[in-house]
Amino acid sequence: MLDESKAPLYKWFTGGLTNISYNCIDRHVDEGRGKDIAVIYESVYTKRGRIIKYEDLLYKVSRFARVLSN
């Protein structure tokens, strides 16, 4: 929803809550696509690549979130 109360300074979704991490990662695992590829990384400098699956990415993000919360 668009808040037009202070036009021309508009705000979207005022008071709303969202979990971007859930939309990007968790929902794919919840829907059974944990083994699908989430990220393909290729370095021009090191000539190395890496493939990360959704379930691995969820684990790494969750682990780092615990670090930040502590």
N, C-alpha and C. Protein backbone atom coordinates (compact mmCIF):
# COMPACT_ATOMS: atom_id res chain seq x y z
N MET A 1 0.85 -1.17 0.00
CA MET A 1 0.00 0.00 0.00
C MET A 1 0.90 1.24 0.00
N LEU A 2 0.49 2.23 -0.73
CA LEU A 2 1.25 3.47 -0.86
C LEU A 2 0.69 4.52 0.10
N ASP A 3 1.59 5.07 0.93
CA ASP A 3 1.22 6.13 1.86
C ASP A 3 1.47 7.47 1.16
N GLU A 4 0.40 8.17 0.84
CA GLU A 4 0.51 9.45 0.13
C GLU A 4 0.30 10.64 1.06
N SER A 5 0.33 10.42 2.37
CA SER A 5 -0.01 11.47 3.33
C SER A 5 0.99 12.63 3.34
N LYS A 6 2.21 12.41 2.89
CA LYS A 6 3.22 13.47 2.87
C LYS A 6 3.77 13.66 1.46
N ALA A 7 2.85 13.66 0.50
CA ALA A 7 3.25 13.83 -0.91
C ALA A 7 4.04 15.12 -1.06
N PRO A 8 5.06 15.14 -1.84
CA PRO A 8 5.53 14.14 -2.80
C PRO A 8 6.51 13.12 -2.18
N LEU A 9 6.59 13.03 -0.86
CA LEU A 9 7.45 12.04 -0.21
C LEU A 9 6.60 10.81 0.10
N TYR A 10 6.55 9.90 -0.85
CA TYR A 10 5.71 8.70 -0.73
C TYR A 10 6.46 7.59 -0.01
N LYS A 11 5.71 6.74 0.68
CA LYS A 11 6.29 5.57 1.35
C LYS A 11 5.45 4.35 1.01
N TRP A 12 6.14 3.27 0.73
CA TRP A 12 5.46 2.00 0.45
C TRP A 12 5.42 1.14 1.70
N PHE A 13 4.31 0.47 1.93
CA PHE A 13 4.15 -0.52 2.98
C PHE A 13 4.53 0.00 4.37
N THR A 14 4.11 1.18 4.72
CA THR A 14 4.40 1.72 6.05
C THR A 14 3.75 0.83 7.10
N GLY A 15 4.52 0.51 8.12
CA GLY A 15 4.03 -0.35 9.18
C GLY A 15 4.02 -1.82 8.84
N GLY A 16 4.39 -2.14 7.61
CA GLY A 16 4.40 -3.53 7.19
C GLY A 16 5.66 -4.24 7.63
N LEU A 17 5.57 -5.55 7.75
CA LEU A 17 6.71 -6.37 8.10
C LEU A 17 6.96 -7.38 6.99
N THR A 18 8.20 -7.61 6.67
CA THR A 18 8.54 -8.61 5.67
C THR A 18 9.84 -9.28 6.05
N ASN A 19 10.00 -10.48 5.59
CA ASN A 19 11.23 -11.23 5.82
C ASN A 19 11.79 -11.57 4.45
N ILE A 20 12.70 -10.75 3.98
CA ILE A 20 13.25 -10.93 2.65
C ILE A 20 14.01 -12.24 2.54
N SER A 21 14.68 -12.64 3.60
CA SER A 21 15.40 -13.91 3.59
C SER A 21 14.44 -15.07 3.35
N TYR A 22 13.26 -15.02 3.96
CA TYR A 22 12.28 -16.09 3.74
C TYR A 22 11.87 -16.13 2.28
N ASN A 23 11.60 -14.98 1.70
CA ASN A 23 11.17 -14.93 0.31
C ASN A 23 12.25 -15.40 -0.65
N CYS A 24 13.50 -15.20 -0.31
CA CYS A 24 14.61 -15.56 -1.20
C CYS A 24 15.12 -16.97 -1.00
N ILE A 25 15.05 -17.50 0.21
CA ILE A 25 15.69 -18.78 0.52
C ILE A 25 14.72 -19.79 1.12
N ASP A 26 14.18 -19.48 2.29
CA ASP A 26 13.40 -20.45 3.07
C ASP A 26 12.24 -21.05 2.28
N ARG A 27 11.53 -20.23 1.54
CA ARG A 27 10.34 -20.75 0.86
C ARG A 27 10.70 -21.81 -0.17
N HIS A 28 11.87 -21.70 -0.79
CA HIS A 28 12.30 -22.70 -1.76
C HIS A 28 12.55 -24.04 -1.07
N VAL A 29 13.18 -24.00 0.09
CA VAL A 29 13.42 -25.22 0.86
C VAL A 29 12.10 -25.79 1.34
N ASP A 30 11.21 -24.94 1.85
CA ASP A 30 9.90 -25.37 2.33
C ASP A 30 9.07 -26.03 1.23
N GLU A 31 9.27 -25.58 -0.01
CA GLU A 31 8.51 -26.12 -1.15
C GLU A 31 9.20 -27.31 -1.81
N GLY A 32 10.26 -27.83 -1.16
CA GLY A 32 10.92 -29.03 -1.66
C GLY A 32 11.99 -28.81 -2.70
N ARG A 33 12.45 -27.59 -2.85
CA ARG A 33 13.49 -27.30 -3.84
C ARG A 33 14.85 -27.04 -3.20
N GLY A 34 15.10 -27.62 -2.02
CA GLY A 34 16.35 -27.41 -1.30
C GLY A 34 17.58 -27.87 -2.07
N LYS A 35 17.43 -28.87 -2.91
CA LYS A 35 18.56 -29.40 -3.68
C LYS A 35 18.81 -28.62 -4.97
N ASP A 36 17.92 -27.69 -5.29
CA ASP A 36 18.10 -26.87 -6.49
C ASP A 36 19.20 -25.83 -6.27
N ILE A 37 19.77 -25.38 -7.36
CA ILE A 37 20.85 -24.39 -7.30
C ILE A 37 20.28 -23.01 -6.97
N ALA A 38 20.87 -22.38 -5.95
CA ALA A 38 20.48 -21.03 -5.55
C ALA A 38 21.46 -19.99 -6.09
N VAL A 39 22.75 -20.33 -6.07
CA VAL A 39 23.79 -19.38 -6.48
C VAL A 39 24.85 -20.11 -7.31
N ILE A 40 25.23 -19.50 -8.41
CA ILE A 40 26.39 -19.97 -9.18
C ILE A 40 27.39 -18.82 -9.17
N TYR A 41 28.56 -19.10 -8.63
CA TYR A 41 29.59 -18.07 -8.50
C TYR A 41 30.80 -18.47 -9.34
N GLU A 42 31.27 -17.58 -10.17
CA GLU A 42 32.48 -17.82 -10.95
C GLU A 42 33.37 -16.59 -10.82
N SER A 43 34.61 -16.82 -10.37
CA SER A 43 35.55 -15.73 -10.19
C SER A 43 36.42 -15.57 -11.43
N VAL A 44 36.48 -14.37 -11.93
CA VAL A 44 37.32 -14.06 -13.07
C VAL A 44 38.79 -14.09 -12.65
N TYR A 45 39.07 -13.73 -11.42
CA TYR A 45 40.44 -13.62 -10.94
C TYR A 45 41.06 -14.96 -10.58
N THR A 46 40.32 -15.79 -9.87
CA THR A 46 40.88 -17.08 -9.43
C THR A 46 40.55 -18.22 -10.38
N LYS A 47 39.68 -17.96 -11.35
CA LYS A 47 39.24 -18.99 -12.31
C LYS A 47 38.57 -20.17 -11.61
N ARG A 48 37.94 -19.91 -10.48
CA ARG A 48 37.23 -20.95 -9.75
C ARG A 48 35.75 -20.62 -9.70
N GLY A 49 34.98 -21.66 -9.56
CA GLY A 49 33.54 -21.48 -9.46
C GLY A 49 32.99 -22.24 -8.28
N ARG A 50 31.78 -21.91 -7.93
CA ARG A 50 31.13 -22.59 -6.82
C ARG A 50 29.63 -22.59 -7.05
N ILE A 51 29.00 -23.69 -6.71
CA ILE A 51 27.56 -23.81 -6.80
C ILE A 51 27.03 -24.03 -5.39
N ILE A 52 26.02 -23.25 -5.01
CA ILE A 52 25.43 -23.35 -3.68
C ILE A 52 23.95 -23.68 -3.84
N LYS A 53 23.51 -24.73 -3.16
CA LYS A 53 22.11 -25.14 -3.19
C LYS A 53 21.33 -24.37 -2.13
N TYR A 54 20.01 -24.31 -2.32
CA TYR A 54 19.17 -23.58 -1.37
C TYR A 54 19.33 -24.10 0.06
N GLU A 55 19.39 -25.41 0.24
CA GLU A 55 19.50 -25.95 1.60
C GLU A 55 20.83 -25.56 2.24
N ASP A 56 21.90 -25.51 1.47
CA ASP A 56 23.19 -25.07 1.99
C ASP A 56 23.19 -23.58 2.31
N LEU A 57 22.57 -22.81 1.44
CA LEU A 57 22.49 -21.37 1.65
C LEU A 57 21.66 -21.06 2.90
N LEU A 58 20.56 -21.78 3.08
CA LEU A 58 19.73 -21.59 4.28
C LEU A 58 20.53 -21.89 5.54
N TYR A 59 21.31 -22.95 5.52
CA TYR A 59 22.13 -23.29 6.68
C TYR A 59 23.13 -22.18 6.97
N LYS A 60 23.82 -21.68 5.94
CA LYS A 60 24.83 -20.64 6.15
C LYS A 60 24.20 -19.33 6.63
N VAL A 61 23.07 -18.96 6.06
CA VAL A 61 22.39 -17.72 6.46
C VAL A 61 21.88 -17.84 7.90
N SER A 62 21.31 -19.00 8.24
CA SER A 62 20.81 -19.20 9.60
C SER A 62 21.94 -19.17 10.62
N ARG A 63 23.04 -19.77 10.25
CA ARG A 63 24.21 -19.79 11.15
C ARG A 63 24.74 -18.37 11.38
N PHE A 64 24.84 -17.59 10.32
CA PHE A 64 25.33 -16.22 10.45
C PHE A 64 24.33 -15.35 11.21
N ALA A 65 23.04 -15.60 11.03
CA ALA A 65 22.02 -14.85 11.78
C ALA A 65 22.17 -15.09 13.28
N ARG A 66 22.51 -16.33 13.67
CA ARG A 66 22.75 -16.62 15.09
C ARG A 66 23.97 -15.85 15.60
N VAL A 67 24.99 -15.74 14.77
CA VAL A 67 26.18 -14.97 15.15
C VAL A 67 25.79 -13.52 15.41
N LEU A 68 25.01 -12.95 14.49
CA LEU A 68 24.61 -11.55 14.64
C LEU A 68 23.71 -11.34 15.87
N SER A 69 22.83 -12.29 16.14
CA SER A 69 21.93 -12.12 17.28
C SER A 69 22.64 -12.26 18.62
N ASN A 70 23.74 -13.01 18.63
CA ASN A 70 24.52 -13.14 19.86
C ASN A 70 25.33 -11.88 20.07
